[in-house]
Amino acid sequence: LLYFGTSKLKGEEAHKCVLKALENGYINVDTASVYKNEVFVGSGVGEYVKQNGDVKIRLTTKLSPREMNVSRVSFYCSESLKRLDLPKNVEITYLMHWPSGS
């Protein structure tokens, strides 16, 4: 699978670039809480879905190493989902970004 990466995108630029990527055929989008762009990535995906109806889009976001506390993973996942605010038909994958040494 080919994903549209968003690690360097910030603010409205993230929204516009994600929207343009989806308009040009990407169906997979990658972000992470550590990129601090989930709100804008999610709004770009949301706008595309609103314009195009029942489309298949996959989004991956990730748990950062500083969030890796077993008792808090569900909290951090919920926070990412709130920031993304995605339509129900978007498939979401939540990954550990990279393992921490502790």
PDB file of N, CA and C in Angstrom:
ATOM      1  N   LEU A   1       0.838  -1.190   0.000  1.00  0.00           N
ATOM      2  CA  LEU A   1       0.000   0.000   0.000  1.00  0.00           C
ATOM      3  C   LEU A   1       0.873   1.241   0.000  1.00  0.00           C
ATOM      4  N   LEU A   2       0.469   2.221  -0.742  1.00  0.00           N
ATOM      5  CA  LEU A   2       1.167   3.498  -0.798  1.00  0.00           C
ATOM      6  C   LEU A   2       0.399   4.509   0.048  1.00  0.00           C
ATOM      7  N   TYR A   3       1.086   5.119   0.998  1.00  0.00           N
ATOM      8  CA  TYR A   3       0.468   6.098   1.894  1.00  0.00           C
ATOM      9  C   TYR A   3       0.960   7.497   1.572  1.00  0.00           C
ATOM     10  N   PHE A   4       0.078   8.480   1.747  1.00  0.00           N
ATOM     11  CA  PHE A   4       0.465   9.879   1.657  1.00  0.00           C
ATOM     12  C   PHE A   4       0.932  10.300   3.045  1.00  0.00           C
ATOM     13  N   GLY A   5       2.213  10.599   3.186  1.00  0.00           N
ATOM     14  CA  GLY A   5       2.782  10.978   4.478  1.00  0.00           C
ATOM     15  C   GLY A   5       2.611  12.451   4.763  1.00  0.00           C
ATOM     16  N   THR A   6       2.411  12.779   6.032  1.00  0.00           N
ATOM     17  CA  THR A   6       2.129  14.167   6.410  1.00  0.00           C
ATOM     18  C   THR A   6       3.072  14.703   7.487  1.00  0.00           C
ATOM     19  N   SER A   7       4.201  14.039   7.708  1.00  0.00           N
ATOM     20  CA  SER A   7       5.056  14.407   8.846  1.00  0.00           C
ATOM     21  C   SER A   7       5.556  15.847   8.801  1.00  0.00           C
ATOM     22  N   LYS A   8       5.768  16.394   7.634  1.00  0.00           N
ATOM     23  CA  LYS A   8       6.310  17.758   7.509  1.00  0.00           C
ATOM     24  C   LYS A   8       5.234  18.821   7.322  1.00  0.00           C
ATOM     25  N   LEU A   9       3.975  18.412   7.220  1.00  0.00           N
ATOM     26  CA  LEU A   9       2.890  19.349   6.932  1.00  0.00           C
ATOM     27  C   LEU A   9       2.305  19.941   8.205  1.00  0.00           C
ATOM     28  N   LYS A  10       2.069  21.223   8.200  1.00  0.00           N
ATOM     29  CA  LYS A  10       1.512  21.920   9.366  1.00  0.00           C
ATOM     30  C   LYS A  10       0.310  22.756   8.956  1.00  0.00           C
ATOM     31  N   GLY A  11      -0.614  22.912   9.879  1.00  0.00           N
ATOM     32  CA  GLY A  11      -1.740  23.816   9.718  1.00  0.00           C
ATOM     33  C   GLY A  11      -2.561  23.587   8.462  1.00  0.00           C
ATOM     34  N   GLU A  12      -3.003  24.687   7.885  1.00  0.00           N
ATOM     35  CA  GLU A  12      -3.865  24.647   6.700  1.00  0.00           C
ATOM     36  C   GLU A  12      -3.181  23.956   5.524  1.00  0.00           C
ATOM     37  N   GLU A  13      -1.846  24.024   5.482  1.00  0.00           N
ATOM     38  CA  GLU A  13      -1.115  23.322   4.427  1.00  0.00           C
ATOM     39  C   GLU A  13      -1.396  21.814   4.482  1.00  0.00           C
ATOM     40  N   ALA A  14      -1.477  21.251   5.678  1.00  0.00           N
ATOM     41  CA  ALA A  14      -1.787  19.825   5.825  1.00  0.00           C
ATOM     42  C   ALA A  14      -3.171  19.521   5.265  1.00  0.00           C
ATOM     43  N   HIS A  15      -4.144  20.350   5.602  1.00  0.00           N
ATOM     44  CA  HIS A  15      -5.506  20.174   5.090  1.00  0.00           C
ATOM     45  C   HIS A  15      -5.508  20.174   3.558  1.00  0.00           C
ATOM     46  N   LYS A  16      -4.920  21.195   2.958  1.00  0.00           N
ATOM     47  CA  LYS A  16      -4.923  21.347   1.502  1.00  0.00           C
ATOM     48  C   LYS A  16      -4.176  20.217   0.809  1.00  0.00           C
ATOM     49  N   CYS A  17      -3.034  19.822   1.351  1.00  0.00           N
ATOM     50  CA  CYS A  17      -2.235  18.768   0.722  1.00  0.00           C
ATOM     51  C   CYS A  17      -2.922  17.407   0.816  1.00  0.00           C
ATOM     52  N   VAL A  18      -3.529  17.112   1.946  1.00  0.00           N
ATOM     53  CA  VAL A  18      -4.265  15.849   2.092  1.00  0.00           C
ATOM     54  C   VAL A  18      -5.440  15.820   1.125  1.00  0.00           C
ATOM     55  N   LEU A  19      -6.182  16.896   1.053  1.00  0.00           N
ATOM     56  CA  LEU A  19      -7.313  16.975   0.131  1.00  0.00           C
ATOM     57  C   LEU A  19      -6.836  16.762  -1.313  1.00  0.00           C
ATOM     58  N   LYS A  20      -5.769  17.424  -1.706  1.00  0.00           N
ATOM     59  CA  LYS A  20      -5.230  17.292  -3.066  1.00  0.00           C
ATOM     60  C   LYS A  20      -4.731  15.870  -3.326  1.00  0.00           C
ATOM     61  N   ALA A  21      -4.083  15.258  -2.349  1.00  0.00           N
ATOM     62  CA  ALA A  21      -3.602  13.875  -2.505  1.00  0.00           C
ATOM     63  C   ALA A  21      -4.777  12.920  -2.739  1.00  0.00           C
ATOM     64  N   LEU A  22      -5.835  13.089  -1.977  1.00  0.00           N
ATOM     65  CA  LEU A  22      -7.019  12.233  -2.140  1.00  0.00           C
ATOM     66  C   LEU A  22      -7.684  12.481  -3.494  1.00  0.00           C
ATOM     67  N   GLU A  23      -7.746  13.730  -3.908  1.00  0.00           N
ATOM     68  CA  GLU A  23      -8.316  14.058  -5.222  1.00  0.00           C
ATOM     69  C   GLU A  23      -7.501  13.438  -6.365  1.00  0.00           C
ATOM     70  N   ASN A  24      -6.213  13.201  -6.097  1.00  0.00           N
ATOM     71  CA  ASN A  24      -5.325  12.641  -7.116  1.00  0.00           C
ATOM     72  C   ASN A  24      -5.141  11.125  -6.991  1.00  0.00           C
ATOM     73  N   GLY A  25      -5.977  10.485  -6.196  1.00  0.00           N
ATOM     74  CA  GLY A  25      -5.987   9.029  -6.189  1.00  0.00           C
ATOM     75  C   GLY A  25      -5.449   8.314  -4.970  1.00  0.00           C
ATOM     76  N   TYR A  26      -4.791   9.020  -4.069  1.00  0.00           N
ATOM     77  CA  TYR A  26      -4.373   8.359  -2.835  1.00  0.00           C
ATOM     78  C   TYR A  26      -5.613   7.934  -2.062  1.00  0.00           C
ATOM     79  N   ILE A  27      -5.541   6.799  -1.400  1.00  0.00           N
ATOM     80  CA  ILE A  27      -6.634   6.388  -0.506  1.00  0.00           C
ATOM     81  C   ILE A  27      -6.115   6.104   0.900  1.00  0.00           C
ATOM     82  N   ASN A  28      -4.787   6.211   1.090  1.00  0.00           N
ATOM     83  CA  ASN A  28      -4.161   5.951   2.379  1.00  0.00           C
ATOM     84  C   ASN A  28      -3.413   7.197   2.841  1.00  0.00           C
ATOM     85  N   VAL A  29      -3.673   7.614   4.072  1.00  0.00           N
ATOM     86  CA  VAL A  29      -3.052   8.813   4.629  1.00  0.00           C
ATOM     87  C   VAL A  29      -2.401   8.443   5.957  1.00  0.00           C
ATOM     88  N   ASP A  30      -1.198   8.974   6.178  1.00  0.00           N
ATOM     89  CA  ASP A  30      -0.433   8.677   7.386  1.00  0.00           C
ATOM     90  C   ASP A  30      -0.189   9.963   8.182  1.00  0.00           C
ATOM     91  N   THR A  31      -0.454   9.888   9.483  1.00  0.00           N
ATOM     92  CA  THR A  31      -0.155  10.992  10.391  1.00  0.00           C
ATOM     93  C   THR A  31       0.255  10.396  11.732  1.00  0.00           C
ATOM     94  N   ALA A  32       0.481  11.241  12.715  1.00  0.00           N
ATOM     95  CA  ALA A  32       0.839  10.788  14.067  1.00  0.00           C
ATOM     96  C   ALA A  32       0.634  11.944  15.034  1.00  0.00           C
ATOM     97  N   SER A  33       0.378  11.616  16.274  1.00  0.00           N
ATOM     98  CA  SER A  33       0.185  12.674  17.274  1.00  0.00           C
ATOM     99  C   SER A  33       1.421  13.560  17.375  1.00  0.00           C
ATOM    100  N   VAL A  34       2.603  12.994  17.223  1.00  0.00           N
ATOM    101  CA  VAL A  34       3.844  13.744  17.342  1.00  0.00           C
ATOM    102  C   VAL A  34       4.018  14.761  16.198  1.00  0.00           C
ATOM    103  N   TYR A  35       3.311  14.591  15.081  1.00  0.00           N
ATOM    104  CA  TYR A  35       3.390  15.553  13.978  1.00  0.00           C
ATOM    105  C   TYR A  35       2.596  16.833  14.281  1.00  0.00           C
ATOM    106  N   LYS A  36       1.692  16.743  15.241  1.00  0.00           N
ATOM    107  CA  LYS A  36       0.868  17.889  15.655  1.00  0.00           C
ATOM    108  C   LYS A  36       0.064  18.475  14.487  1.00  0.00           C
ATOM    109  N   ASN A  37      -0.447  17.570  13.635  1.00  0.00           N
ATOM    110  CA  ASN A  37      -1.253  18.029  12.504  1.00  0.00           C
ATOM    111  C   ASN A  37      -2.549  17.225  12.332  1.00  0.00           C
ATOM    112  N   GLU A  38      -2.896  16.424  13.321  1.00  0.00           N
ATOM    113  CA  GLU A  38      -4.064  15.550  13.190  1.00  0.00           C
ATOM    114  C   GLU A  38      -5.359  16.328  12.905  1.00  0.00           C
ATOM    115  N   VAL A  39      -5.533  17.479  13.508  1.00  0.00           N
ATOM    116  CA  VAL A  39      -6.750  18.270  13.263  1.00  0.00           C
ATOM    117  C   VAL A  39      -6.864  18.621  11.782  1.00  0.00           C
ATOM    118  N   PHE A  40      -5.773  19.074  11.185  1.00  0.00           N
ATOM    119  CA  PHE A  40      -5.795  19.513   9.787  1.00  0.00           C
ATOM    120  C   PHE A  40      -5.819  18.344   8.814  1.00  0.00           C
ATOM    121  N   VAL A  41      -5.118  17.268   9.141  1.00  0.00           N
ATOM    122  CA  VAL A  41      -5.173  16.060   8.314  1.00  0.00           C
ATOM    123  C   VAL A  41      -6.603  15.516   8.319  1.00  0.00           C
ATOM    124  N   GLY A  42      -7.186  15.430   9.500  1.00  0.00           N
ATOM    125  CA  GLY A  42      -8.565  14.942   9.616  1.00  0.00           C
ATOM    126  C   GLY A  42      -9.554  15.816   8.877  1.00  0.00           C
ATOM    127  N   SER A  43      -9.352  17.131   8.910  1.00  0.00           N
ATOM    128  CA  SER A  43     -10.295  18.015   8.201  1.00  0.00           C
ATOM    129  C   SER A  43     -10.154  17.868   6.695  1.00  0.00           C
ATOM    130  N   GLY A  44      -8.944  17.618   6.205  1.00  0.00           N
ATOM    131  CA  GLY A  44      -8.762  17.370   4.777  1.00  0.00           C
ATOM    132  C   GLY A  44      -9.448  16.090   4.336  1.00  0.00           C
ATOM    133  N   VAL A  45      -9.289  15.033   5.125  1.00  0.00           N
ATOM    134  CA  VAL A  45      -9.970  13.767   4.832  1.00  0.00           C
ATOM    135  C   VAL A  45     -11.480  13.966   4.902  1.00  0.00           C
ATOM    136  N   GLY A  46     -11.945  14.639   5.945  1.00  0.00           N
ATOM    137  CA  GLY A  46     -13.381  14.873   6.127  1.00  0.00           C
ATOM    138  C   GLY A  46     -13.990  15.654   4.979  1.00  0.00           C
ATOM    139  N   GLU A  47     -13.288  16.679   4.502  1.00  0.00           N
ATOM    140  CA  GLU A  47     -13.800  17.466   3.375  1.00  0.00           C
ATOM    141  C   GLU A  47     -13.897  16.599   2.120  1.00  0.00           C
ATOM    142  N   TYR A  48     -12.882  15.771   1.886  1.00  0.00           N
ATOM    143  CA  TYR A  48     -12.910  14.897   0.713  1.00  0.00           C
ATOM    144  C   TYR A  48     -14.085  13.923   0.776  1.00  0.00           C
ATOM    145  N   VAL A  49     -14.295  13.309   1.923  1.00  0.00           N
ATOM    146  CA  VAL A  49     -15.404  12.360   2.076  1.00  0.00           C
ATOM    147  C   VAL A  49     -16.742  13.074   1.894  1.00  0.00           C
ATOM    148  N   LYS A  50     -16.859  14.273   2.442  1.00  0.00           N
ATOM    149  CA  LYS A  50     -18.096  15.050   2.299  1.00  0.00           C
ATOM    150  C   LYS A  50     -18.385  15.347   0.820  1.00  0.00           C
ATOM    151  N   GLN A  51     -17.356  15.659   0.066  1.00  0.00           N
ATOM    152  CA  GLN A  51     -17.513  15.983  -1.360  1.00  0.00           C
ATOM    153  C   GLN A  51     -17.795  14.747  -2.215  1.00  0.00           C
ATOM    154  N   ASN A  52     -17.298  13.580  -1.774  1.00  0.00           N
ATOM    155  CA  ASN A  52     -17.319  12.397  -2.630  1.00  0.00           C
ATOM    156  C   ASN A  52     -18.150  11.238  -2.101  1.00  0.00           C
ATOM    157  N   GLY A  53     -18.791  11.417  -0.967  1.00  0.00           N
ATOM    158  CA  GLY A  53     -19.691  10.389  -0.453  1.00  0.00           C
ATOM    159  C   GLY A  53     -18.991   9.157   0.075  1.00  0.00           C
ATOM    160  N   ASP A  54     -19.523   8.013  -0.264  1.00  0.00           N
ATOM    161  CA  ASP A  54     -19.065   6.737   0.284  1.00  0.00           C
ATOM    162  C   ASP A  54     -17.810   6.257  -0.434  1.00  0.00           C
ATOM    163  N   VAL A  55     -16.666   6.800  -0.034  1.00  0.00           N
ATOM    164  CA  VAL A  55     -15.380   6.417  -0.627  1.00  0.00           C
ATOM    165  C   VAL A  55     -14.569   5.639   0.405  1.00  0.00           C
ATOM    166  N   LYS A  56     -13.650   4.829  -0.075  1.00  0.00           N
ATOM    167  CA  LYS A  56     -12.812   4.041   0.823  1.00  0.00           C
ATOM    168  C   LYS A  56     -11.515   4.793   1.094  1.00  0.00           C
ATOM    169  N   ILE A  57     -11.348   5.253   2.313  1.00  0.00           N
ATOM    170  CA  ILE A  57     -10.141   5.960   2.730  1.00  0.00           C
ATOM    171  C   ILE A  57      -9.610   5.254   3.979  1.00  0.00           C
ATOM    172  N   ARG A  58      -8.281   5.088   4.027  1.00  0.00           N
ATOM    173  CA  ARG A  58      -7.628   4.540   5.217  1.00  0.00           C
ATOM    174  C   ARG A  58      -6.723   5.613   5.806  1.00  0.00           C
ATOM    175  N   LEU A  59      -6.757   5.743   7.112  1.00  0.00           N
ATOM    176  CA  LEU A  59      -5.881   6.689   7.789  1.00  0.00           C
ATOM    177  C   LEU A  59      -5.157   5.944   8.903  1.00  0.00           C
ATOM    178  N   THR A  60      -3.854   6.163   8.975  1.00  0.00           N
ATOM    179  CA  THR A  60      -3.052   5.617  10.065  1.00  0.00           C
ATOM    180  C   THR A  60      -2.537   6.772  10.895  1.00  0.00           C
ATOM    181  N   THR A  61      -2.701   6.661  12.205  1.00  0.00           N
ATOM    182  CA  THR A  61      -2.070   7.595  13.128  1.00  0.00           C
ATOM    183  C   THR A  61      -1.326   6.760  14.165  1.00  0.00           C
ATOM    184  N   LYS A  62      -0.478   7.429  14.924  1.00  0.00           N
ATOM    185  CA  LYS A  62       0.426   6.668  15.775  1.00  0.00           C
ATOM    186  C   LYS A  62       0.572   7.267  17.173  1.00  0.00           C
ATOM    187  N   LEU A  63       0.805   6.365  18.095  1.00  0.00           N
ATOM    188  CA  LEU A  63       1.101   6.680  19.496  1.00  0.00           C
ATOM    189  C   LEU A  63       2.578   7.044  19.593  1.00  0.00           C
ATOM    190  N   SER A  64       2.898   8.173  20.177  1.00  0.00           N
ATOM    191  CA  SER A  64       4.310   8.558  20.307  1.00  0.00           C
ATOM    192  C   SER A  64       4.948   7.835  21.494  1.00  0.00           C
ATOM    193  N   PRO A  65       6.265   7.705  21.501  1.00  0.00           N
ATOM    194  CA  PRO A  65       6.942   7.018  22.605  1.00  0.00           C
ATOM    195  C   PRO A  65       6.641   7.630  23.975  1.00  0.00           C
ATOM    196  N   ARG A  66       6.507   8.943  24.045  1.00  0.00           N
ATOM    197  CA  ARG A  66       6.236   9.559  25.358  1.00  0.00           C
ATOM    198  C   ARG A  66       4.803   9.286  25.836  1.00  0.00           C
ATOM    199  N   GLU A  67       3.954   8.769  24.953  1.00  0.00           N
ATOM    200  CA  GLU A  67       2.576   8.414  25.323  1.00  0.00           C
ATOM    201  C   GLU A  67       2.443   6.928  25.667  1.00  0.00           C
ATOM    202  N   MET A  68       3.540   6.191  25.616  1.00  0.00           N
ATOM    203  CA  MET A  68       3.483   4.739  25.812  1.00  0.00           C
ATOM    204  C   MET A  68       3.453   4.371  27.287  1.00  0.00           C
ATOM    205  N   ASN A  69       2.291   4.498  27.822  1.00  0.00           N
ATOM    206  CA  ASN A  69       2.014   4.091  29.191  1.00  0.00           C
ATOM    207  C   ASN A  69       0.789   3.197  29.091  1.00  0.00           C
ATOM    208  N   VAL A  70       0.942   1.930  29.427  1.00  0.00           N
ATOM    209  CA  VAL A  70      -0.123   0.942  29.216  1.00  0.00           C
ATOM    210  C   VAL A  70      -1.464   1.425  29.752  1.00  0.00           C
ATOM    211  N   SER A  71      -1.467   2.070  30.885  1.00  0.00           N
ATOM    212  CA  SER A  71      -2.732   2.508  31.482  1.00  0.00           C
ATOM    213  C   SER A  71      -3.325   3.736  30.784  1.00  0.00           C
ATOM    214  N   ARG A  72      -2.565   4.369  29.870  1.00  0.00           N
ATOM    215  CA  ARG A  72      -3.035   5.596  29.216  1.00  0.00           C
ATOM    216  C   ARG A  72      -3.199   5.480  27.697  1.00  0.00           C
ATOM    217  N   VAL A  73      -2.883   4.322  27.119  1.00  0.00           N
ATOM    218  CA  VAL A  73      -2.966   4.161  25.662  1.00  0.00           C
ATOM    219  C   VAL A  73      -4.372   4.464  25.153  1.00  0.00           C
ATOM    220  N   SER A  74      -5.389   3.943  25.806  1.00  0.00           N
ATOM    221  CA  SER A  74      -6.756   4.197  25.326  1.00  0.00           C
ATOM    222  C   SER A  74      -7.095   5.687  25.399  1.00  0.00           C
ATOM    223  N   PHE A  75      -6.600   6.388  26.406  1.00  0.00           N
ATOM    224  CA  PHE A  75      -6.815   7.830  26.510  1.00  0.00           C
ATOM    225  C   PHE A  75      -6.176   8.544  25.317  1.00  0.00           C
ATOM    226  N   TYR A  76      -4.909   8.223  25.028  1.00  0.00           N
ATOM    227  CA  TYR A  76      -4.212   8.881  23.922  1.00  0.00           C
ATOM    228  C   TYR A  76      -4.850   8.543  22.575  1.00  0.00           C
ATOM    229  N   CYS A  77      -5.296   7.319  22.419  1.00  0.00           N
ATOM    230  CA  CYS A  77      -5.997   6.939  21.192  1.00  0.00           C
ATOM    231  C   CYS A  77      -7.276   7.767  21.038  1.00  0.00           C
ATOM    232  N   SER A  78      -8.044   7.878  22.113  1.00  0.00           N
ATOM    233  CA  SER A  78      -9.275   8.682  22.082  1.00  0.00           C
ATOM    234  C   SER A  78      -8.984  10.143  21.741  1.00  0.00           C
ATOM    235  N   GLU A  79      -7.898  10.675  22.285  1.00  0.00           N
ATOM    236  CA  GLU A  79      -7.527  12.063  21.990  1.00  0.00           C
ATOM    237  C   GLU A  79      -7.189  12.238  20.507  1.00  0.00           C
ATOM    238  N   SER A  80      -6.455  11.282  19.940  1.00  0.00           N
ATOM    239  CA  SER A  80      -6.157  11.342  18.504  1.00  0.00           C
ATOM    240  C   SER A  80      -7.440  11.296  17.685  1.00  0.00           C
ATOM    241  N   LEU A  81      -8.343  10.402  18.049  1.00  0.00           N
ATOM    242  CA  LEU A  81      -9.602  10.288  17.312  1.00  0.00           C
ATOM    243  C   LEU A  81     -10.426  11.570  17.400  1.00  0.00           C
ATOM    244  N   LYS A  82     -10.404  12.228  18.549  1.00  0.00           N
ATOM    245  CA  LYS A  82     -11.114  13.513  18.684  1.00  0.00           C
ATOM    246  C   LYS A  82     -10.486  14.567  17.774  1.00  0.00           C
ATOM    247  N   ARG A  83      -9.157  14.619  17.761  1.00  0.00           N
ATOM    248  CA  ARG A  83      -8.481  15.620  16.918  1.00  0.00           C
ATOM    249  C   ARG A  83      -8.760  15.353  15.439  1.00  0.00           C
ATOM    250  N   LEU A  84      -8.755  14.082  15.051  1.00  0.00           N
ATOM    251  CA  LEU A  84      -8.980  13.723  13.647  1.00  0.00           C
ATOM    252  C   LEU A  84     -10.427  13.972  13.220  1.00  0.00           C
ATOM    253  N   ASP A  85     -11.369  13.689  14.105  1.00  0.00           N
ATOM    254  CA  ASP A  85     -12.796  13.918  13.843  1.00  0.00           C
ATOM    255  C   ASP A  85     -13.203  13.403  12.454  1.00  0.00           C
ATOM    256  N   LEU A  86     -12.953  12.123  12.223  1.00  0.00           N
ATOM    257  CA  LEU A  86     -13.168  11.526  10.902  1.00  0.00           C
ATOM    258  C   LEU A  86     -14.582  11.009  10.721  1.00  0.00           C
ATOM    259  N   PRO A  87     -15.045  11.006   9.467  1.00  0.00           N
ATOM    260  CA  PRO A  87     -16.338  10.379   9.169  1.00  0.00           C
ATOM    261  C   PRO A  87     -16.280   8.883   9.504  1.00  0.00           C
ATOM    262  N   LYS A  88     -17.423   8.307   9.762  1.00  0.00           N
ATOM    263  CA  LYS A  88     -17.503   6.902  10.190  1.00  0.00           C
ATOM    264  C   LYS A  88     -16.994   5.914   9.149  1.00  0.00           C
ATOM    265  N   ASN A  89     -17.034   6.268   7.865  1.00  0.00           N
ATOM    266  CA  ASN A  89     -16.615   5.316   6.837  1.00  0.00           C
ATOM    267  C   ASN A  89     -15.107   5.316   6.571  1.00  0.00           C
ATOM    268  N   VAL A  90     -14.321   6.092   7.330  1.00  0.00           N
ATOM    269  CA  VAL A  90     -12.868   6.085   7.175  1.00  0.00           C
ATOM    270  C   VAL A  90     -12.298   4.987   8.080  1.00  0.00           C
ATOM    271  N   GLU A  91     -11.504   4.109   7.482  1.00  0.00           N
ATOM    272  CA  GLU A  91     -10.862   3.031   8.234  1.00  0.00           C
ATOM    273  C   GLU A  91      -9.631   3.594   8.936  1.00  0.00           C
ATOM    274  N   ILE A  92      -9.530   3.365  10.245  1.00  0.00           N
ATOM    275  CA  ILE A  92      -8.449   3.948  11.043  1.00  0.00           C
ATOM    276  C   ILE A  92      -7.580   2.842  11.622  1.00  0.00           C
ATOM    277  N   THR A  93      -6.263   3.028  11.504  1.00  0.00           N
ATOM    278  CA  THR A  93      -5.296   2.149  12.150  1.00  0.00           C
ATOM    279  C   THR A  93      -4.512   2.988  13.145  1.00  0.00           C
ATOM    280  N   TYR A  94      -4.310   2.438  14.333  1.00  0.00           N
ATOM    281  CA  TYR A  94      -3.574   3.143  15.386  1.00  0.00           C
ATOM    282  C   TYR A  94      -2.354   2.303  15.739  1.00  0.00           C
ATOM    283  N   LEU A  95      -1.168   2.849  15.529  1.00  0.00           N
ATOM    284  CA  LEU A  95       0.075   2.115  15.724  1.00  0.00           C
ATOM    285  C   LEU A  95       0.957   2.743  16.802  1.00  0.00           C
ATOM    286  N   MET A  96       1.887   1.946  17.327  1.00  0.00           N
ATOM    287  CA  MET A  96       2.976   2.464  18.147  1.00  0.00           C
ATOM    288  C   MET A  96       3.975   3.079  17.156  1.00  0.00           C
ATOM    289  N   HIS A  97       4.281   4.367  17.297  1.00  0.00           N
ATOM    290  CA  HIS A  97       5.137   5.038  16.320  1.00  0.00           C
ATOM    291  C   HIS A  97       6.515   4.394  16.264  1.00  0.00           C
ATOM    292  N   TRP A  98       7.182   4.360  17.362  1.00  0.00           N
ATOM    293  CA  TRP A  98       8.432   3.607  17.471  1.00  0.00           C
ATOM    294  C   TRP A  98       8.597   3.267  18.936  1.00  0.00           C
ATOM    295  N   PRO A  99       9.188   2.111  19.223  1.00  0.00           N
ATOM    296  CA  PRO A  99       9.282   1.692  20.629  1.00  0.00           C
ATOM    297  C   PRO A  99      10.257   2.568  21.405  1.00  0.00           C
ATOM    298  N   SER A 100       9.927   2.798  22.642  1.00  0.00           N
ATOM    299  CA  SER A 100      10.840   3.540  23.505  1.00  0.00           C
ATOM    300  C   SER A 100      11.707   2.519  24.246  1.00  0.00           C
ATOM    301  N   GLY A 101      12.800   2.964  24.754  1.00  0.00           N
ATOM    302  CA  GLY A 101      13.706   2.059  25.458  1.00  0.00           C
ATOM    303  C   GLY A 101      13.280   1.729  26.872  1.00  0.00           C
ATOM    304  N   SER A 102      12.235   2.402  27.372  1.00  0.00           N
ATOM    305  CA  SER A 102      11.863   2.143  28.773  1.00  0.00           C
ATOM    306  C   SER A 102      10.540   1.419  28.891  1.00  0.00           C
TER     307      SER A 102
END
